[in-house]
C-alpha atoms as a PDB file:
ATOM      1  CA  MET A   1       3.415  -8.065  -0.229  1.00  0.00           C
ATOM      2  CA  ILE A   2       6.361  -5.748  -0.835  1.00  0.00           C
ATOM      3  CA  GLU A   3       9.708  -7.166  -1.924  1.00  0.00           C
ATOM      4  CA  LEU A   4      13.047  -5.484  -2.562  1.00  0.00           C
ATOM      5  CA  PHE A   5      15.371  -6.580  -5.360  1.00  0.00           C
ATOM      6  CA  ASP A   6      18.674  -5.491  -6.853  1.00  0.00           C
ATOM      7  CA  ILE A   7      18.553  -3.833 -10.258  1.00  0.00           C
ATOM      8  CA  THR A   8      20.583  -5.795 -12.798  1.00  0.00           C
ATOM      9  CA  VAL A   9      21.212  -5.701 -16.526  1.00  0.00           C
ATOM     10  CA  GLU A  10      18.576  -8.406 -16.896  1.00  0.00           C
ATOM     11  CA  ASN A  11      15.727  -6.736 -14.958  1.00  0.00           C
ATOM     12  CA  GLN A  12      16.407  -3.031 -15.572  1.00  0.00           C
ATOM     13  CA  PHE A  13      13.734  -2.804 -18.264  1.00  0.00           C
ATOM     14  CA  ALA A  14      11.059  -3.738 -15.713  1.00  0.00           C
ATOM     15  CA  VAL A  15      11.744  -0.497 -13.810  1.00  0.00           C
ATOM     16  CA  ARG A  16      12.808   1.971 -16.502  1.00  0.00           C
ATOM     17  CA  GLY A  17       9.203   2.903 -17.293  1.00  0.00           C
ATOM     18  CA  LEU A  18       8.247   3.720 -13.698  1.00  0.00           C
ATOM     19  CA  ALA A  19       7.314   7.366 -13.120  1.00  0.00           C
ATOM     20  CA  VAL A  20       5.857   9.610 -10.464  1.00  0.00           C
ATOM     21  CA  ARG A  21       2.933  11.968 -11.038  1.00  0.00           C
ATOM     22  CA  GLU A  22       3.491  15.050 -13.188  1.00  0.00           C
ATOM     23  CA  ASP A  23       3.389  17.348 -10.125  1.00  0.00           C
ATOM     24  CA  GLN A  24       6.154  15.278  -8.469  1.00  0.00           C
ATOM     25  CA  ARG A  25       8.617  15.212 -11.370  1.00  0.00           C
ATOM     26  CA  GLY A  26      10.585  18.214 -10.150  1.00  0.00           C
ATOM     27  CA  PHE A  27      11.344  16.410  -6.890  1.00  0.00           C
ATOM     28  CA  LEU A  28      12.921  13.227  -8.256  1.00  0.00           C
ATOM     29  CA  ASP A  29      14.982  11.936 -11.117  1.00  0.00           C
ATOM     30  CA  SER A  30      13.425   9.642 -13.717  1.00  0.00           C
ATOM     31  CA  ALA A  31      13.770   5.888 -13.246  1.00  0.00           C
ATOM     32  CA  LEU A  32      16.510   5.835 -15.874  1.00  0.00           C
ATOM     33  CA  GLY A  33      18.196   8.774 -14.117  1.00  0.00           C
ATOM     34  CA  ILE A  34      18.132   6.876 -10.821  1.00  0.00           C
ATOM     35  CA  ILE A  35      19.781   3.881 -12.477  1.00  0.00           C
ATOM     36  CA  ALA A  36      22.417   6.199 -14.004  1.00  0.00           C
ATOM     37  CA  ARG A  37      23.095   7.803 -10.615  1.00  0.00           C
ATOM     38  CA  GLY A  38      23.726   4.337  -9.221  1.00  0.00           C
ATOM     39  CA  TYR A  39      26.454   3.897 -11.798  1.00  0.00           C
ATOM     40  CA  ILE A  40      27.931   7.354 -11.246  1.00  0.00           C
ATOM     41  CA  TYR A  41      28.090   6.844  -7.466  1.00  0.00           C
ATOM     42  CA  ARG A  42      29.422   3.279  -7.671  1.00  0.00           C
ATOM     43  CA  GLU A  43      32.607   4.249  -5.820  1.00  0.00           C
ATOM     44  CA  SER A  44      30.364   5.270  -2.890  1.00  0.00           C
ATOM     45  CA  ARG A  45      28.846   1.770  -2.818  1.00  0.00           C
ATOM     46  CA  ALA A  46      25.660   3.019  -4.452  1.00  0.00           C
ATOM     47  CA  ARG A  47      22.831   0.502  -4.697  1.00  0.00           C
ATOM     48  CA  VAL A  48      19.779   0.861  -6.879  1.00  0.00           C
ATOM     49  CA  ILE A  49      16.994  -1.060  -5.182  1.00  0.00           C
ATOM     50  CA  GLY A  50      13.889  -2.187  -6.978  1.00  0.00           C
ATOM     51  CA  ILE A  51      10.569  -2.300  -5.131  1.00  0.00           C
ATOM     52  CA  ALA A  52       8.000  -4.893  -6.189  1.00  0.00           C
ATOM     53  CA  HIS A  53       4.469  -5.863  -5.224  1.00  0.00           C
ATOM     54  CA  GLY A  54       3.110  -9.215  -6.322  1.00  0.00           C
ATOM     55  CA  GLY A  55       6.098  -9.704  -8.603  1.00  0.00           C
ATOM     56  CA  GLU A  56       5.553  -6.397 -10.437  1.00  0.00           C
ATOM     57  CA  ALA A  57       8.051  -3.528 -10.182  1.00  0.00           C
ATOM     58  CA  ILE A  58       6.408  -0.517  -8.535  1.00  0.00           C
ATOM     59  CA  GLY A  59       9.297   1.659  -7.381  1.00  0.00           C
ATOM     60  CA  LEU A  60      12.981   2.411  -7.023  1.00  0.00           C
ATOM     61  CA  ALA A  61      15.399   3.676  -4.408  1.00  0.00           C
ATOM     62  CA  LEU A  62      19.033   4.705  -4.489  1.00  0.00           C
ATOM     63  CA  VAL A  63      21.180   4.429  -1.367  1.00  0.00           C
ATOM     64  CA  LYS A  64      24.867   5.244  -1.182  1.00  0.00           C
ATOM     65  CA  ASP A  65      27.521   5.559   1.481  1.00  0.00           C
ATOM     66  CA  LEU A  66      28.344   9.031   2.729  1.00  0.00           C
ATOM     67  CA  ASP A  67      31.723   8.791   4.436  1.00  0.00           C
ATOM     68  CA  GLU A  68      32.204  12.478   5.216  1.00  0.00           C
ATOM     69  CA  GLU A  69      30.948  13.690   8.580  1.00  0.00           C
ATOM     70  CA  PRO A  70      28.423  12.836   9.655  1.00  0.00           C
ATOM     71  CA  ALA A  71      29.096   9.441   8.083  1.00  0.00           C
ATOM     72  CA  CYS A  72      25.803   7.756   7.203  1.00  0.00           C
ATOM     73  CA  TYR A  73      23.757   6.069   4.529  1.00  0.00           C
ATOM     74  CA  ASP A  74      22.505   8.623   2.002  1.00  0.00           C
ATOM     75  CA  LEU A  75      19.047   7.892   0.612  1.00  0.00           C
ATOM     76  CA  GLN A  76      19.438   9.777  -2.658  1.00  0.00           C
ATOM     77  CA  GLN A  77      16.219   8.826  -4.412  1.00  0.00           C
ATOM     78  CA  PHE A  78      13.047   7.022  -3.385  1.00  0.00           C
ATOM     79  CA  MET A  79      10.032   6.726  -5.638  1.00  0.00           C
ATOM     80  CA  ILE A  80       6.836   4.766  -6.040  1.00  0.00           C
ATOM     81  CA  ASP A  81       5.200   4.731  -9.470  1.00  0.00           C
ATOM     82  CA  ALA A  82       2.156   7.019  -9.731  1.00  0.00           C
ATOM     83  CA  ARG A  83      -0.174   4.028 -10.250  1.00  0.00           C
ATOM     84  CA  TYR A  84       0.771   2.593  -6.847  1.00  0.00           C
ATOM     85  CA  GLN A  85       0.917   5.685  -4.647  1.00  0.00           C
ATOM     86  CA  GLY A  86      -1.449   6.150  -1.731  1.00  0.00           C
ATOM     87  CA  ARG A  87      -1.645   2.448  -0.866  1.00  0.00           C
ATOM     88  CA  GLY A  88       1.052   2.263   1.813  1.00  0.00           C
ATOM     89  CA  PHE A  89       3.621   0.661  -0.488  1.00  0.00           C
ATOM     90  CA  GLY A  90       6.118   3.513  -0.029  1.00  0.00           C
ATOM     91  CA  THR A  91       5.894   3.353   3.748  1.00  0.00           C
ATOM     92  CA  ALA A  92       6.335  -0.433   3.744  1.00  0.00           C
ATOM     93  CA  ALA A  93       9.239  -0.322   1.264  1.00  0.00           C
ATOM     94  CA  LEU A  94      10.990   2.432   3.214  1.00  0.00           C
ATOM     95  CA  GLN A  95      10.726   0.385   6.421  1.00  0.00           C
ATOM     96  CA  MET A  96      12.213  -2.627   4.629  1.00  0.00           C
ATOM     97  CA  ILE A  97      15.109  -0.566   3.286  1.00  0.00           C
ATOM     98  CA  LEU A  98      15.772   0.898   6.738  1.00  0.00           C
ATOM     99  CA  SER A  99      15.716  -2.606   8.256  1.00  0.00           C
ATOM    100  CA  GLU A 100      18.235  -3.887   5.703  1.00  0.00           C
ATOM    101  CA  LEU A 101      20.545  -0.932   6.318  1.00  0.00           C
ATOM    102  CA  GLU A 102      20.276  -1.362  10.078  1.00  0.00           C
ATOM    103  CA  ALA A 103      21.147  -5.065   9.772  1.00  0.00           C
ATOM    104  CA  GLU A 104      24.164  -4.173   7.640  1.00  0.00           C
ATOM    105  CA  SER A 105      25.170  -1.714  10.394  1.00  0.00           C
ATOM    106  CA  LYS A 106      27.963   0.103   8.608  1.00  0.00           C
ATOM    107  CA  TYR A 107      26.523   3.423   9.854  1.00  0.00           C
ATOM    108  CA  ASP A 108      24.134   4.376  12.641  1.00  0.00           C
ATOM    109  CA  CYS A 109      21.855   6.617  10.559  1.00  0.00           C
ATOM    110  CA  VAL A 110      20.310   7.412   7.179  1.00  0.00           C
ATOM    111  CA  GLU A 111      20.031  10.912   5.737  1.00  0.00           C
ATOM    112  CA  VAL A 112      17.726  12.180   3.041  1.00  0.00           C
ATOM    113  CA  CYS A 113      17.310  15.645   1.553  1.00  0.00           C
ATOM    114  CA  VAL A 114      13.727  16.459   0.527  1.00  0.00           C
ATOM    115  CA  LYS A 115      12.233  19.461  -1.242  1.00  0.00           C
ATOM    116  CA  LYS A 116      10.080  21.416   1.209  1.00  0.00           C
ATOM    117  CA  ALA A 117       7.252  21.433  -1.341  1.00  0.00           C
ATOM    118  CA  ALA A 118       7.202  17.600  -1.487  1.00  0.00           C
ATOM    119  CA  LEU A 119       4.672  17.378   1.338  1.00  0.00           C
ATOM    120  CA  GLU A 120       3.629  13.783   0.668  1.00  0.00           C
ATOM    121  CA  ALA A 121       7.241  12.602   0.736  1.00  0.00           C
ATOM    122  CA  LEU A 122       7.930  14.543   3.922  1.00  0.00           C
ATOM    123  CA  ARG A 123       4.957  12.807   5.586  1.00  0.00           C
ATOM    124  CA  VAL A 124       6.241   9.358   4.561  1.00  0.00           C
ATOM    125  CA  TYR A 125       9.695  10.104   5.961  1.00  0.00           C
ATOM    126  CA  GLU A 126       8.332  11.588   9.177  1.00  0.00           C
ATOM    127  CA  LYS A 127       6.003   8.617   9.638  1.00  0.00           C
ATOM    128  CA  ALA A 128       9.043   6.334   9.296  1.00  0.00           C
ATOM    129  CA  GLY A 129      10.837   8.238  12.067  1.00  0.00           C
ATOM    130  CA  PHE A 130      13.027  10.703  10.153  1.00  0.00           C
ATOM    131  CA  VAL A 131      13.559  14.056  11.882  1.00  0.00           C
ATOM    132  CA  ASP A 132      14.836  17.420  10.682  1.00  0.00           C
ATOM    133  CA  THR A 133      18.599  17.756  11.207  1.00  0.00           C
ATOM    134  CA  GLY A 134      18.427  21.544  11.233  1.00  0.00           C
ATOM    135  CA  TYR A 135      21.190  21.592   8.617  1.00  0.00           C
ATOM    136  CA  PHE A 136      20.811  24.249   5.931  1.00  0.00           C
ATOM    137  CA  ASP A 137      22.393  23.448   2.572  1.00  0.00           C
ATOM    138  CA  GLU A 138      23.093  26.640   0.632  1.00  0.00           C
ATOM    139  CA  ALA A 139      23.151  24.606  -2.574  1.00  0.00           C
ATOM    140  CA  ALA A 140      19.574  23.415  -1.883  1.00  0.00           C
ATOM    141  CA  PRO A 141      17.803  26.194   0.050  1.00  0.00           C
ATOM    142  CA  ASP A 142      14.382  24.811  -0.900  1.00  0.00           C
ATOM    143  CA  SER A 143      15.108  21.484   0.798  1.00  0.00           C
ATOM    144  CA  VAL A 144      15.121  20.068   4.299  1.00  0.00           C
ATOM    145  CA  CYS A 145      17.653  17.509   5.501  1.00  0.00           C
ATOM    146  CA  LEU A 146      16.216  14.636   7.521  1.00  0.00           C
ATOM    147  CA  VAL A 147      17.912  11.876   9.488  1.00  0.00           C
ATOM    148  CA  TYR A 148      16.770   8.466  10.714  1.00  0.00           C
ATOM    149  CA  ARG A 149      18.814   7.012  13.584  1.00  0.00           C
ATOM    150  CA  PHE A 150      18.882   3.284  14.201  1.00  0.00           C
ATOM    151  CA  ALA A 151      17.847   2.296  17.715  1.00  0.00           C
END
């Protein structure tokens, strides 16, 4: 069973060693980098979310508020440790995160920017209901911007 938990000073060491496969490392920050981003974006209400299965940390996500138009939740980072990929944990964790954000209801959507070459990640997001916004970011021409709208 998948559980989400807040990253704290006390439990940060349980997630700092998590890592994606070698071929995925150019798509995401390291676990420690994700934690650092949470601190850097703290004024944007950034939250580093731990993902656990059976009490063991298996992944991380970083969500922050994006108040400029279109105002939305910004899913900055989402990763499942290489040892746990391919088992549906990412899909389940993403659904849980989306449900929590929908219940909070500060915004009506979630955006994520994904490298076009990250085919597995794109499939997970599309399966969850994310769709291409059509937005082209000149700063990230090798990426696609996706949005998930709450019902």
